[in-house]
Amino acid sequence: MEVGKIPEFNENAVVLSGTLRVESDRSEDVRTGQAVIRRKGKWVRFSTPEETEYITVCLPAFAPGLVRWDIV
């Protein structure tokens, strides 16, 4: 499971196979062939409850300074 974060970029994920769990203001499972768009400035956490392949595109591009990570 990924650490939760508040990104300062839009994050778009396309699931190639498996299931991507997206937790934010609600929890949803994104399955093979589906996509999800998370808007900047909102807390989000991704996890994969099974073997999963997905592609994430960040706009503007990901940079460490554009993310506020949860403290673990």
PDB file of N, CA and C in Angstrom:
ATOM      1  N   MET A   1       0.841  -1.170   0.000  1.00  0.00           N
ATOM      2  CA  MET A   1       0.000   0.000   0.000  1.00  0.00           C
ATOM      3  C   MET A   1       0.890   1.238   0.000  1.00  0.00           C
ATOM      4  N   GLU A   2       0.523   2.162  -0.812  1.00  0.00           N
ATOM      5  CA  GLU A   2       1.244   3.434  -0.909  1.00  0.00           C
ATOM      6  C   GLU A   2       0.863   4.315   0.280  1.00  0.00           C
ATOM      7  N   VAL A   3       1.756   5.189   0.659  1.00  0.00           N
ATOM      8  CA  VAL A   3       1.467   6.176   1.699  1.00  0.00           C
ATOM      9  C   VAL A   3       0.488   7.192   1.122  1.00  0.00           C
ATOM     10  N   GLY A   4      -0.443   7.672   1.936  1.00  0.00           N
ATOM     11  CA  GLY A   4      -1.367   8.696   1.483  1.00  0.00           C
ATOM     12  C   GLY A   4      -0.634   9.985   1.155  1.00  0.00           C
ATOM     13  N   LYS A   5      -1.249  10.817   0.322  1.00  0.00           N
ATOM     14  CA  LYS A   5      -0.585  12.051  -0.113  1.00  0.00           C
ATOM     15  C   LYS A   5      -1.618  13.074  -0.552  1.00  0.00           C
ATOM     16  N   ILE A   6      -1.178  14.314  -0.614  1.00  0.00           N
ATOM     17  CA  ILE A   6      -1.956  15.396  -1.214  1.00  0.00           C
ATOM     18  C   ILE A   6      -1.097  15.956  -2.341  1.00  0.00           C
ATOM     19  N   PRO A   7      -1.317  15.507  -3.573  1.00  0.00           N
ATOM     20  CA  PRO A   7      -0.492  15.978  -4.684  1.00  0.00           C
ATOM     21  C   PRO A   7      -0.939  17.352  -5.188  1.00  0.00           C
ATOM     22  N   GLU A   8      -0.013  18.101  -5.696  1.00  0.00           N
ATOM     23  CA  GLU A   8      -0.301  19.389  -6.329  1.00  0.00           C
ATOM     24  C   GLU A   8      -0.280  19.230  -7.848  1.00  0.00           C
ATOM     25  N   PHE A   9      -0.806  18.102  -8.305  1.00  0.00           N
ATOM     26  CA  PHE A   9      -0.945  17.806  -9.737  1.00  0.00           C
ATOM     27  C   PHE A   9      -2.121  16.856  -9.891  1.00  0.00           C
ATOM     28  N   ASN A  10      -2.741  16.835 -11.072  1.00  0.00           N
ATOM     29  CA  ASN A  10      -3.780  15.858 -11.363  1.00  0.00           C
ATOM     30  C   ASN A  10      -3.115  14.522 -11.625  1.00  0.00           C
ATOM     31  N   GLU A  11      -3.711  13.457 -11.136  1.00  0.00           N
ATOM     32  CA  GLU A  11      -3.145  12.122 -11.287  1.00  0.00           C
ATOM     33  C   GLU A  11      -4.176  11.240 -11.985  1.00  0.00           C
ATOM     34  N   ASN A  12      -3.822  10.735 -13.156  1.00  0.00           N
ATOM     35  CA  ASN A  12      -4.701   9.907 -13.974  1.00  0.00           C
ATOM     36  C   ASN A  12      -4.119   8.508 -14.030  1.00  0.00           C
ATOM     37  N   ALA A  13      -4.921   7.492 -13.717  1.00  0.00           N
ATOM     38  CA  ALA A  13      -4.436   6.112 -13.717  1.00  0.00           C
ATOM     39  C   ALA A  13      -5.322   5.260 -14.613  1.00  0.00           C
ATOM     40  N   VAL A  14      -4.692   4.431 -15.447  1.00  0.00           N
ATOM     41  CA  VAL A  14      -5.377   3.468 -16.308  1.00  0.00           C
ATOM     42  C   VAL A  14      -4.935   2.081 -15.865  1.00  0.00           C
ATOM     43  N   VAL A  15      -5.893   1.212 -15.545  1.00  0.00           N
ATOM     44  CA  VAL A  15      -5.586  -0.129 -15.078  1.00  0.00           C
ATOM     45  C   VAL A  15      -5.502  -1.071 -16.277  1.00  0.00           C
ATOM     46  N   LEU A  16      -4.320  -1.665 -16.464  1.00  0.00           N
ATOM     47  CA  LEU A  16      -4.102  -2.603 -17.567  1.00  0.00           C
ATOM     48  C   LEU A  16      -4.578  -4.003 -17.194  1.00  0.00           C
ATOM     49  N   SER A  17      -4.368  -4.400 -15.934  1.00  0.00           N
ATOM     50  CA  SER A  17      -4.867  -5.682 -15.439  1.00  0.00           C
ATOM     51  C   SER A  17      -4.948  -5.626 -13.918  1.00  0.00           C
ATOM     52  N   GLY A  18      -5.902  -6.336 -13.347  1.00  0.00           N
ATOM     53  CA  GLY A  18      -6.048  -6.382 -11.900  1.00  0.00           C
ATOM     54  C   GLY A  18      -6.975  -5.305 -11.376  1.00  0.00           C
ATOM     55  N   THR A  19      -6.722  -4.902 -10.123  1.00  0.00           N
ATOM     56  CA  THR A  19      -7.578  -3.931  -9.437  1.00  0.00           C
ATOM     57  C   THR A  19      -6.712  -2.910  -8.701  1.00  0.00           C
ATOM     58  N   LEU A  20      -7.013  -1.643  -8.904  1.00  0.00           N
ATOM     59  CA  LEU A  20      -6.358  -0.547  -8.195  1.00  0.00           C
ATOM     60  C   LEU A  20      -7.380   0.042  -7.233  1.00  0.00           C
ATOM     61  N   ARG A  21      -7.088  -0.013  -5.946  1.00  0.00           N
ATOM     62  CA  ARG A  21      -7.986   0.578  -4.949  1.00  0.00           C
ATOM     63  C   ARG A  21      -7.565   2.027  -4.731  1.00  0.00           C
ATOM     64  N   VAL A  22      -8.527   2.918  -4.855  1.00  0.00           N
ATOM     65  CA  VAL A  22      -8.278   4.350  -4.713  1.00  0.00           C
ATOM     66  C   VAL A  22      -9.087   4.848  -3.522  1.00  0.00           C
ATOM     67  N   GLU A  23      -8.387   5.327  -2.497  1.00  0.00           N
ATOM     68  CA  GLU A  23      -9.046   5.878  -1.320  1.00  0.00           C
ATOM     69  C   GLU A  23      -8.881   7.392  -1.352  1.00  0.00           C
ATOM     70  N   SER A  24      -9.997   8.086  -1.178  1.00  0.00           N
ATOM     71  CA  SER A  24      -9.982   9.537  -1.112  1.00  0.00           C
ATOM     72  C   SER A  24     -11.183   9.943  -0.274  1.00  0.00           C
ATOM     73  N   ASP A  25     -12.051  10.812  -0.796  1.00  0.00           N
ATOM     74  CA  ASP A  25     -13.263  11.141  -0.058  1.00  0.00           C
ATOM     75  C   ASP A  25     -14.198   9.933  -0.009  1.00  0.00           C
ATOM     76  N   ARG A  26     -13.958   8.966  -0.882  1.00  0.00           N
ATOM     77  CA  ARG A  26     -14.621   7.666  -0.863  1.00  0.00           C
ATOM     78  C   ARG A  26     -13.632   6.641  -1.398  1.00  0.00           C
ATOM     79  N   SER A  27     -13.936   5.376  -1.206  1.00  0.00           N
ATOM     80  CA  SER A  27     -13.054   4.310  -1.680  1.00  0.00           C
ATOM     81  C   SER A  27     -13.687   3.672  -2.909  1.00  0.00           C
ATOM     82  N   GLU A  28     -12.870   3.427  -3.930  1.00  0.00           N
ATOM     83  CA  GLU A  28     -13.388   2.764  -5.127  1.00  0.00           C
ATOM     84  C   GLU A  28     -12.336   1.822  -5.687  1.00  0.00           C
ATOM     85  N   ASP A  29     -12.800   0.756  -6.304  1.00  0.00           N
ATOM     86  CA  ASP A  29     -11.923  -0.187  -6.987  1.00  0.00           C
ATOM     87  C   ASP A  29     -12.004   0.073  -8.478  1.00  0.00           C
ATOM     88  N   VAL A  30     -10.852   0.303  -9.092  1.00  0.00           N
ATOM     89  CA  VAL A  30     -10.756   0.556 -10.529  1.00  0.00           C
ATOM     90  C   VAL A  30     -10.195  -0.720 -11.137  1.00  0.00           C
ATOM     91  N   ARG A  31     -10.906  -1.299 -12.090  1.00  0.00           N
ATOM     92  CA  ARG A  31     -10.558  -2.616 -12.620  1.00  0.00           C
ATOM     93  C   ARG A  31     -10.007  -2.539 -14.035  1.00  0.00           C
ATOM     94  N   THR A  32      -9.545  -3.670 -14.522  1.00  0.00           N
ATOM     95  CA  THR A  32      -8.962  -3.784 -15.856  1.00  0.00           C
ATOM     96  C   THR A  32      -9.788  -3.015 -16.888  1.00  0.00           C
ATOM     97  N   GLY A  33      -9.114  -2.145 -17.656  1.00  0.00           N
ATOM     98  CA  GLY A  33      -9.771  -1.376 -18.704  1.00  0.00           C
ATOM     99  C   GLY A  33     -10.424  -0.095 -18.233  1.00  0.00           C
ATOM    100  N   GLN A  34     -10.415   0.160 -16.936  1.00  0.00           N
ATOM    101  CA  GLN A  34     -11.015   1.377 -16.400  1.00  0.00           C
ATOM    102  C   GLN A  34      -9.933   2.393 -16.053  1.00  0.00           C
ATOM    103  N   ALA A  35     -10.360   3.631 -15.871  1.00  0.00           N
ATOM    104  CA  ALA A  35      -9.434   4.704 -15.508  1.00  0.00           C
ATOM    105  C   ALA A  35     -10.035   5.526 -14.377  1.00  0.00           C
ATOM    106  N   VAL A  36      -9.177   6.257 -13.684  1.00  0.00           N
ATOM    107  CA  VAL A  36      -9.623   7.154 -12.626  1.00  0.00           C
ATOM    108  C   VAL A  36      -8.804   8.438 -12.733  1.00  0.00           C
ATOM    109  N   ILE A  37      -9.444   9.564 -12.443  1.00  0.00           N
ATOM    110  CA  ILE A  37      -8.774  10.865 -12.434  1.00  0.00           C
ATOM    111  C   ILE A  37      -8.914  11.434 -11.029  1.00  0.00           C
ATOM    112  N   ARG A  38      -7.797  11.754 -10.405  1.00  0.00           N
ATOM    113  CA  ARG A  38      -7.791  12.384  -9.084  1.00  0.00           C
ATOM    114  C   ARG A  38      -7.270  13.811  -9.267  1.00  0.00           C
ATOM    115  N   ARG A  39      -8.018  14.762  -8.763  1.00  0.00           N
ATOM    116  CA  ARG A  39      -7.670  16.178  -8.911  1.00  0.00           C
ATOM    117  C   ARG A  39      -6.654  16.621  -7.861  1.00  0.00           C
ATOM    118  N   LYS A  40      -5.824  17.562  -8.240  1.00  0.00           N
ATOM    119  CA  LYS A  40      -4.798  18.073  -7.327  1.00  0.00           C
ATOM    120  C   LYS A  40      -5.421  18.673  -6.077  1.00  0.00           C
ATOM    121  N   GLY A  41      -4.640  18.633  -4.996  1.00  0.00           N
ATOM    122  CA  GLY A  41      -5.072  19.251  -3.755  1.00  0.00           C
ATOM    123  C   GLY A  41      -5.975  18.395  -2.887  1.00  0.00           C
ATOM    124  N   LYS A  42      -6.262  17.145  -3.305  1.00  0.00           N
ATOM    125  CA  LYS A  42      -7.116  16.254  -2.520  1.00  0.00           C
ATOM    126  C   LYS A  42      -6.306  15.061  -2.047  1.00  0.00           C
ATOM    127  N   TRP A  43      -6.515  14.650  -0.784  1.00  0.00           N
ATOM    128  CA  TRP A  43      -5.812  13.499  -0.233  1.00  0.00           C
ATOM    129  C   TRP A  43      -6.212  12.244  -1.001  1.00  0.00           C
ATOM    130  N   VAL A  44      -5.217  11.376  -1.282  1.00  0.00           N
ATOM    131  CA  VAL A  44      -5.467  10.127  -1.997  1.00  0.00           C
ATOM    132  C   VAL A  44      -4.447   9.081  -1.566  1.00  0.00           C
ATOM    133  N   ARG A  45      -4.868   7.809  -1.616  1.00  0.00           N
ATOM    134  CA  ARG A  45      -3.948   6.698  -1.371  1.00  0.00           C
ATOM    135  C   ARG A  45      -4.340   5.573  -2.326  1.00  0.00           C
ATOM    136  N   PHE A  46      -3.332   5.005  -3.001  1.00  0.00           N
ATOM    137  CA  PHE A  46      -3.534   3.891  -3.918  1.00  0.00           C
ATOM    138  C   PHE A  46      -3.027   2.605  -3.289  1.00  0.00           C
ATOM    139  N   SER A  47      -3.704   1.503  -3.567  1.00  0.00           N
ATOM    140  CA  SER A  47      -3.217   0.184  -3.161  1.00  0.00           C
ATOM    141  C   SER A  47      -3.689  -0.843  -4.188  1.00  0.00           C
ATOM    142  N   THR A  48      -3.054  -1.998  -4.160  1.00  0.00           N
ATOM    143  CA  THR A  48      -3.394  -3.068  -5.103  1.00  0.00           C
ATOM    144  C   THR A  48      -3.688  -4.339  -4.306  1.00  0.00           C
ATOM    145  N   PRO A  49      -4.977  -4.695  -4.159  1.00  0.00           N
ATOM    146  CA  PRO A  49      -5.341  -5.867  -3.386  1.00  0.00           C
ATOM    147  C   PRO A  49      -5.006  -7.188  -4.084  1.00  0.00           C
ATOM    148  N   GLU A  50      -4.585  -7.111  -5.335  1.00  0.00           N
ATOM    149  CA  GLU A  50      -4.173  -8.285  -6.098  1.00  0.00           C
ATOM    150  C   GLU A  50      -3.078  -7.845  -7.067  1.00  0.00           C
ATOM    151  N   GLU A  51      -2.480  -8.789  -7.765  1.00  0.00           N
ATOM    152  CA  GLU A  51      -1.456  -8.427  -8.749  1.00  0.00           C
ATOM    153  C   GLU A  51      -2.091  -7.509  -9.793  1.00  0.00           C
ATOM    154  N   THR A  52      -1.494  -6.333  -9.952  1.00  0.00           N
ATOM    155  CA  THR A  52      -2.099  -5.293 -10.784  1.00  0.00           C
ATOM    156  C   THR A  52      -1.039  -4.567 -11.591  1.00  0.00           C
ATOM    157  N   GLU A  53      -1.376  -4.265 -12.837  1.00  0.00           N
ATOM    158  CA  GLU A  53      -0.529  -3.413 -13.678  1.00  0.00           C
ATOM    159  C   GLU A  53      -1.343  -2.175 -14.027  1.00  0.00           C
ATOM    160  N   TYR A  54      -0.736  -1.002 -13.808  1.00  0.00           N
ATOM    161  CA  TYR A  54      -1.423   0.234 -14.157  1.00  0.00           C
ATOM    162  C   TYR A  54      -0.409   1.301 -14.539  1.00  0.00           C
ATOM    163  N   ILE A  55      -0.886   2.279 -15.259  1.00  0.00           N
ATOM    164  CA  ILE A  55      -0.063   3.407 -15.696  1.00  0.00           C
ATOM    165  C   ILE A  55      -0.643   4.664 -15.065  1.00  0.00           C
ATOM    166  N   THR A  56       0.231   5.488 -14.488  1.00  0.00           N
ATOM    167  CA  THR A  56      -0.196   6.757 -13.908  1.00  0.00           C
ATOM    168  C   THR A  56       0.450   7.901 -14.684  1.00  0.00           C
ATOM    169  N   VAL A  57      -0.371   8.879 -15.042  1.00  0.00           N
ATOM    170  CA  VAL A  57       0.127  10.078 -15.717  1.00  0.00           C
ATOM    171  C   VAL A  57      -0.203  11.268 -14.825  1.00  0.00           C
ATOM    172  N   CYS A  58       0.826  12.040 -14.471  1.00  0.00           N
ATOM    173  CA  CYS A  58       0.667  13.198 -13.602  1.00  0.00           C
ATOM    174  C   CYS A  58       0.812  14.469 -14.431  1.00  0.00           C
ATOM    175  N   LEU A  59      -0.136  15.409 -14.260  1.00  0.00           N
ATOM    176  CA  LEU A  59      -0.106  16.669 -14.997  1.00  0.00           C
ATOM    177  C   LEU A  59      -0.260  17.829 -14.026  1.00  0.00           C
ATOM    178  N   PRO A  60       0.691  18.755 -13.891  1.00  0.00           N
ATOM    179  CA  PRO A  60       2.008  18.680 -14.522  1.00  0.00           C
ATOM    180  C   PRO A  60       2.779  17.483 -13.982  1.00  0.00           C
ATOM    181  N   ALA A  61       3.913  17.209 -14.567  1.00  0.00           N
ATOM    182  CA  ALA A  61       4.695  16.022 -14.230  1.00  0.00           C
ATOM    183  C   ALA A  61       5.015  15.953 -12.740  1.00  0.00           C
ATOM    184  N   PHE A  62       5.112  14.711 -12.226  1.00  0.00           N
ATOM    185  CA  PHE A  62       5.448  14.483 -10.828  1.00  0.00           C
ATOM    186  C   PHE A  62       6.803  15.102 -10.490  1.00  0.00           C
ATOM    187  N   ALA A  63       6.870  15.710  -9.333  1.00  0.00           N
ATOM    188  CA  ALA A  63       8.126  16.199  -8.765  1.00  0.00           C
ATOM    189  C   ALA A  63       7.984  16.092  -7.249  1.00  0.00           C
ATOM    190  N   PRO A  64       9.020  15.657  -6.538  1.00  0.00           N
ATOM    191  CA  PRO A  64       8.919  15.478  -5.089  1.00  0.00           C
ATOM    192  C   PRO A  64       8.396  16.706  -4.346  1.00  0.00           C
ATOM    193  N   GLY A  65       8.723  17.875  -4.822  1.00  0.00           N
ATOM    194  CA  GLY A  65       8.281  19.099  -4.161  1.00  0.00           C
ATOM    195  C   GLY A  65       6.804  19.405  -4.363  1.00  0.00           C
ATOM    196  N   LEU A  66       6.127  18.643  -5.220  1.00  0.00           N
ATOM    197  CA  LEU A  66       4.712  18.880  -5.483  1.00  0.00           C
ATOM    198  C   LEU A  66       3.795  17.914  -4.729  1.00  0.00           C
ATOM    199  N   VAL A  67       4.347  17.201  -3.727  1.00  0.00           N
ATOM    200  CA  VAL A  67       3.557  16.230  -2.982  1.00  0.00           C
ATOM    201  C   VAL A  67       3.746  16.443  -1.484  1.00  0.00           C
ATOM    202  N   ARG A  68       2.646  16.444  -0.742  1.00  0.00           N
ATOM    203  CA  ARG A  68       2.713  16.431   0.721  1.00  0.00           C
ATOM    204  C   ARG A  68       2.341  15.013   1.150  1.00  0.00           C
ATOM    205  N   TRP A  69       3.362  14.215   1.526  1.00  0.00           N
ATOM    206  CA  TRP A  69       3.166  12.820   1.912  1.00  0.00           C
ATOM    207  C   TRP A  69       2.675  12.742   3.354  1.00  0.00           C
ATOM    208  N   ASP A  70       1.861  11.733   3.648  1.00  0.00           N
ATOM    209  CA  ASP A  70       1.490  11.438   5.033  1.00  0.00           C
ATOM    210  C   ASP A  70       2.743  11.020   5.782  1.00  0.00           C
ATOM    211  N   ILE A  71       2.820  11.344   7.049  1.00  0.00           N
ATOM    212  CA  ILE A  71       3.921  10.915   7.909  1.00  0.00           C
ATOM    213  C   ILE A  71       3.593   9.507   8.392  1.00  0.00           C
ATOM    214  N   VAL A  72       4.544   8.594   8.252  1.00  0.00           N
ATOM    215  CA  VAL A  72       4.308   7.219   8.723  1.00  0.00           C
ATOM    216  C   VAL A  72       5.172   6.916   9.903  1.00  0.00           C
TER     217      VAL A  72
END
